[in-house]
Each structure stands twice: as C-alpha cells, then as structure tokens.
C-alpha cells in the first residue's frame, strides 16, 4: 500500500523540496497534491504563509533509495554568440540613452556613470551618494534593473546583448563575500560530513559559488529548485 506524507512550506515549491529531501526520493517517484494553502487577504498579507502538500510514494519506490540527481551547474556557461561591432555600437547607444533618461528621473542628480566593453560584455558602472535603494536587498533591485537594461540594449539588433550593471562596486564586494562563504561552507561540509543547502540566490551568485568550489577535491556543488527560489547544495564528493 502506498504511503503518504504531509509537508509544509512558505510556498508549494518549498514544501515539495522539503519532502523530497526528507524522503530522499526524486520528484517523479511521488504523486503530489496540494492539500492546504492559506488564502491571502488584504489584512493577512504580512502574516506568515503556510502551504501543505501531500507526497504519496509510488508503487515500487522505497524512500531513501533514490540516487541523488545532480543538476547542471551554472558554472558551465552557455555558449553566447558574440554580436558584431556594428551591433555593439547600437547596444552602447541604447544603453547610454536609457541610463541618461533613467538618471534624469531620479530624485538625486549627483550620479556618475561609465560604459565600457570587456570580452563582448557591455559593462555599466553607476556611482553616487545615497543610492543603496537601487541595489536593494541582496541586489534584487540591481538584478531587475540589469534585466530591463539587457532588453533595452538588445533593441534593433540580431542577437541578445550581454550587459552587466554595477552600482557602487556592489557586485565586486558581494563576490568577495560569497567566496568567503563558499570556503566556510565547504569546510563545514567536510568536517560534519553532511550536505548543506544555501539560501536562494540569483543565477549570478550561484555561479560564483560553483566556480569557487569546482576545483575543491573534497566537495561538489549543484542546484535545486525553481527560480526565484533556486539554491546551491554543497555536499561531499
């Protein structure tokens, strides 16, 4: 007889991931049913949200026997076709036009910007006083701004432009912090002989973790979950 288990999470994805991890099975080894999801109202929008899911083990599957399926690492960069020199000039023009217009609409008027190119990537550096709100928590606003800028930059060109925007060297500082974190997590995994799942990160930040630990001969990394809740797992080799 098939056994069923109930798990809770802030989202259905989180609850399902928690169940799969505890049961040590893969997603196609279970039948999934959302059995309770709190309805959101205007007055409860700030309350803690709870979603319950029921995972039923399929016939012939034994919990704890599933092999760990490693997900393709973000460190294996996708091949990106480099745009032509003519399109690069269009991209720079699109980017500069957007940045000038964007800055003109901000409450402060002390911004400085620089647009450069490196290995086919258009880099935008923005600096000024009291502009932390353009970075946001863990770079959320900055990442959203980069997505918008990439779409604007790719206007009227054949291939998608590669654009990176940084504000007050946030990305450089964040990369250093993530490298330190990666080393500490790897040390803990080796010491405790247990896998550690990090908090959700953007693809850019996950790649930093993967790259930092890919040459470590004691641990391996892979990602689980779906965007924007995708996480890096560090485990023993």
Protein backbone atom coordinates (compact mmCIF):
# COMPACT_ATOMS: atom_id res chain seq x y z
CA UNK A 1 0.00 0.00 0.00
CA UNK A 2 1.32 3.44 -0.95
CA UNK A 3 2.31 5.69 1.92
CA UNK A 4 1.54 9.41 2.04
CA UNK A 5 3.38 12.15 3.89
CA UNK A 6 2.47 15.79 4.55
CA UNK A 7 4.99 18.63 4.45
CA UNK A 8 4.71 22.38 4.99
CA UNK A 9 6.45 25.38 3.47
CA UNK A 10 6.01 29.05 2.64
CA UNK A 11 5.34 28.02 -0.96
CA UNK A 12 4.31 24.76 -2.60
CA UNK A 13 7.78 24.54 -4.17
CA UNK A 14 9.45 24.87 -0.77
CA UNK A 15 7.15 22.26 0.78
CA UNK A 16 7.75 19.80 -2.07
CA UNK A 17 11.53 20.27 -1.96
CA UNK A 18 11.48 19.72 1.79
CA UNK A 19 9.50 16.49 1.36
CA UNK A 20 11.72 15.13 -1.41
CA UNK A 21 14.81 15.89 0.64
CA UNK A 22 13.49 14.20 3.79
CA UNK A 23 12.18 11.16 1.93
CA UNK A 24 15.30 11.02 -0.26
CA UNK A 25 13.31 10.45 -3.42
CA UNK A 26 13.04 12.17 -6.79
CA UNK A 27 10.07 14.20 -7.95
CA UNK A 28 8.91 11.52 -10.39
CA UNK A 29 8.90 8.95 -7.55
CA UNK A 30 5.88 10.55 -5.88
CA UNK A 31 2.39 11.83 -6.57
CA UNK A 32 2.00 15.42 -5.39
CA UNK A 33 -1.17 17.03 -4.09
CA UNK A 34 -1.57 20.48 -2.55
CA UNK A 35 -3.95 19.87 0.33
CA UNK A 36 -3.99 23.24 2.07
CA UNK A 37 -2.99 26.73 1.02
CA UNK A 38 -3.95 29.70 3.16
CA UNK A 39 -5.95 32.26 1.24
CA UNK A 40 -4.40 35.68 1.14
CA UNK A 41 -6.43 38.71 2.08
CA UNK A 42 -5.50 42.36 2.31
CA UNK A 43 -5.33 42.17 6.10
CA UNK A 44 -3.26 38.97 6.20
CA UNK A 45 -0.71 39.89 3.54
CA UNK A 46 2.05 40.33 6.13
CA UNK A 47 1.24 37.13 8.01
CA UNK A 48 3.41 34.05 7.66
CA UNK A 49 2.15 31.95 4.76
CA UNK A 50 1.84 28.19 5.06
CA UNK A 51 1.26 25.71 2.25
CA UNK A 52 0.74 21.98 2.90
CA UNK A 53 1.44 19.32 0.30
CA UNK A 54 0.88 15.58 0.33
CA UNK A 55 3.53 13.36 -1.23
CA UNK A 56 2.44 9.80 -1.98
CA UNK A 57 5.18 7.27 -2.70
CA UNK A 58 4.56 5.45 -5.98
CA UNK A 59 4.43 1.65 -6.13
CA UNK A 60 7.87 0.05 -6.24
CA UNK A 61 9.68 3.08 -4.82
CA UNK A 62 11.47 2.81 -1.48
CA UNK A 63 12.11 6.12 0.37
CA UNK A 64 15.79 6.77 0.96
CA UNK A 65 16.96 4.68 -2.01
CA UNK A 66 16.81 7.25 -4.77
CA UNK A 67 20.09 8.33 -6.26
CA UNK A 68 20.93 12.00 -5.96
CA UNK A 69 20.40 13.64 -9.31
CA UNK A 70 22.91 16.36 -9.89
CA UNK A 71 21.65 19.39 -11.75
CA UNK A 72 23.75 21.06 -14.43
CA UNK A 73 25.90 23.68 -12.79
CA UNK A 74 25.56 27.33 -13.62
CA UNK A 75 29.35 27.40 -13.79
CA UNK A 76 29.07 25.67 -17.14
CA UNK A 77 28.31 28.85 -19.01
CA UNK A 78 26.06 28.69 -22.01
CA UNK A 79 27.64 29.47 -25.32
CA UNK A 80 26.75 33.02 -26.25
CA UNK A 81 27.15 34.28 -29.78
CA UNK A 82 29.19 37.48 -29.81
CA UNK A 83 27.47 40.36 -31.52
CA UNK A 84 29.04 42.30 -34.41
CA UNK A 85 30.99 45.54 -33.94
CA UNK A 86 28.15 47.43 -35.60
CA UNK A 87 25.64 45.98 -33.14
CA UNK A 88 27.97 46.76 -30.24
CA UNK A 89 27.76 50.44 -31.12
CA UNK A 90 23.97 50.19 -31.23
CA UNK A 91 24.00 48.48 -27.84
CA UNK A 92 26.17 51.20 -26.30
CA UNK A 93 23.90 53.85 -27.77
CA UNK A 94 20.77 52.11 -26.44
CA UNK A 95 22.34 51.71 -23.00
CA UNK A 96 23.54 55.30 -22.75
CA UNK A 97 20.19 56.68 -23.87
CA UNK A 98 18.40 54.58 -21.24
CA UNK A 99 20.85 55.45 -18.43
CA UNK A 100 20.64 59.20 -19.13
CA UNK A 101 16.84 59.11 -19.13
CA UNK A 102 16.77 56.87 -16.04
CA UNK A 103 19.10 59.15 -14.06
CA UNK A 104 17.14 62.27 -15.01
CA UNK A 105 14.05 60.84 -13.33
CA UNK A 106 15.75 60.02 -10.01
CA UNK A 107 15.44 62.41 -7.03
CA UNK A 108 19.23 62.82 -6.78
CA UNK A 109 21.27 64.46 -9.51
CA UNK A 110 24.80 63.53 -8.45
CA UNK A 111 25.14 60.30 -10.44
CA UNK A 112 28.17 59.37 -12.48
CA UNK A 113 28.18 56.55 -14.98
CA UNK A 114 30.70 54.79 -17.22
CA UNK A 115 30.02 52.40 -20.10
CA UNK A 116 32.81 50.04 -21.13
CA UNK A 117 33.24 46.79 -23.04
CA UNK A 118 35.15 43.69 -21.96
CA UNK A 119 35.19 40.36 -23.81
CA UNK A 120 31.97 41.20 -25.65
CA UNK A 121 30.16 42.25 -22.48
CA UNK A 122 28.89 45.81 -22.12
CA UNK A 123 29.55 46.93 -18.56
CA UNK A 124 27.77 49.84 -16.92
CA UNK A 125 29.16 51.32 -13.72
CA UNK A 126 26.93 53.70 -11.78
CA UNK A 127 28.01 55.64 -8.70
CA UNK A 128 26.74 58.40 -6.45
CA UNK A 129 25.62 59.27 -2.93
CA UNK A 130 22.72 57.56 -1.14
CA UNK A 131 21.82 55.18 -3.96
CA UNK A 132 21.58 51.98 -1.95
CA UNK A 133 17.88 51.75 -2.83
CA UNK A 134 18.93 51.00 -6.43
CA UNK A 135 20.72 47.89 -5.16
CA UNK A 136 18.03 46.53 -2.84
CA UNK A 137 18.20 43.53 -0.54
CA UNK A 138 20.87 41.14 -1.80
CA UNK A 139 20.93 43.02 -5.09
CA UNK A 140 17.29 42.30 -6.02
CA UNK A 141 16.64 45.78 -7.43
CA UNK A 142 20.02 45.80 -9.18
CA UNK A 143 19.30 42.45 -10.84
CA UNK A 144 15.90 43.66 -12.01
CA UNK A 145 17.49 46.81 -13.40
CA UNK A 146 20.02 44.67 -15.26
CA UNK A 147 17.24 42.57 -16.82
CA UNK A 148 15.50 45.71 -18.05
CA UNK A 149 18.75 47.19 -19.33
CA UNK A 150 19.62 43.98 -21.20
CA UNK A 151 16.28 44.06 -23.00
CA UNK A 152 16.69 47.75 -23.84
CA UNK A 153 20.26 47.17 -25.05
CA UNK A 154 19.14 44.35 -27.38
CA UNK A 155 16.67 46.57 -29.21
CA UNK A 156 17.12 46.55 -33.01
CA UNK A 157 19.99 44.05 -33.02
CA UNK A 158 20.00 40.44 -34.23
CA UNK A 159 21.45 38.67 -31.18
CA UNK A 160 20.86 39.33 -27.49
CA UNK A 161 23.34 41.73 -25.92
CA UNK A 162 25.30 40.81 -22.83
CA UNK A 163 25.05 43.62 -20.30
CA UNK A 164 26.20 43.85 -16.69
CA UNK A 165 25.39 46.81 -14.48
CA UNK A 166 27.08 47.51 -11.15
CA UNK A 167 26.33 50.21 -8.60
CA UNK A 168 28.99 51.48 -6.18
CA UNK A 169 31.01 48.27 -6.80
CA UNK A 170 28.31 46.17 -5.10
CA UNK A 171 28.98 43.13 -7.28
CA UNK A 172 32.70 43.17 -6.54
CA UNK A 173 32.09 43.33 -2.80
CA UNK A 174 29.37 40.67 -2.98
CA UNK A 175 31.65 38.33 -4.93
CA UNK A 176 34.30 38.55 -2.21
CA UNK A 177 31.70 37.82 0.48
CA UNK A 178 30.35 34.81 -1.46
CA UNK A 179 33.83 33.39 -2.00
CA UNK A 180 34.46 33.57 1.75
CA UNK A 181 31.08 31.95 2.39
CA UNK A 182 31.79 29.16 -0.12
CA UNK A 183 35.08 28.30 1.62
CA UNK A 184 33.43 28.25 5.06
CA UNK A 185 30.56 26.06 3.88
CA UNK A 186 32.95 23.63 2.18
CA UNK A 187 34.98 23.35 5.40
CA UNK A 188 31.81 22.68 7.43
CA UNK A 189 30.58 20.04 4.96
CA UNK A 190 33.89 18.17 5.14
CA UNK A 191 34.03 18.45 8.93
CA UNK A 192 30.43 17.39 9.60
CA UNK A 193 30.14 15.05 6.58
CA UNK A 194 26.71 16.49 5.81
CA UNK A 195 25.37 18.36 2.79
CA UNK A 196 24.42 22.00 3.27
CA UNK A 197 21.77 23.82 1.26
CA UNK A 198 22.30 27.57 0.94
CA UNK A 199 19.57 30.19 0.82
CA UNK A 200 18.04 31.08 -2.57
CA UNK A 201 20.38 33.05 -4.82
CA UNK A 202 20.33 34.59 -8.27
CA UNK A 203 22.00 32.73 -11.15
CA UNK A 204 24.88 35.21 -10.98
CA UNK A 205 25.53 34.47 -7.30
CA UNK A 206 25.12 30.71 -7.68
CA UNK A 207 27.72 30.74 -10.42
CA UNK A 208 30.19 32.42 -8.04
CA UNK A 209 29.72 29.60 -5.51
CA UNK A 210 30.05 26.88 -8.18
CA UNK A 211 33.17 28.48 -9.67
CA UNK A 212 34.81 28.91 -6.28
CA UNK A 213 34.37 25.25 -5.31
CA UNK A 214 34.69 23.47 -8.67
CA UNK A 215 38.39 22.78 -8.05
CA UNK A 216 37.83 21.61 -4.48
CA UNK A 217 38.66 17.89 -4.43
CA UNK A 218 36.52 17.18 -1.35
CA UNK A 219 33.16 18.75 -2.16
CA UNK A 220 30.82 19.19 -5.12
CA UNK A 221 28.04 21.66 -5.82
CA UNK A 222 24.73 21.50 -7.67
CA UNK A 223 21.49 23.48 -7.72
CA UNK A 224 17.94 22.53 -6.79
CA UNK A 225 14.56 24.22 -7.00
CA UNK A 226 12.99 26.66 -9.41
CA UNK A 227 13.57 30.36 -9.89
CA UNK A 228 13.45 32.60 -7.95
CA UNK A 229 13.93 30.08 -5.11
CA UNK A 230 16.79 28.12 -6.68
CA UNK A 231 19.51 27.13 -4.20
CA UNK A 232 23.04 25.76 -4.20
CA UNK A 233 23.75 22.49 -2.40
CA UNK A 234 27.29 21.72 -1.23
CA UNK A 235 27.98 18.05 -0.50
CA UNK A 236 30.86 15.60 -0.14
CA UNK A 237 32.29 14.10 -3.31
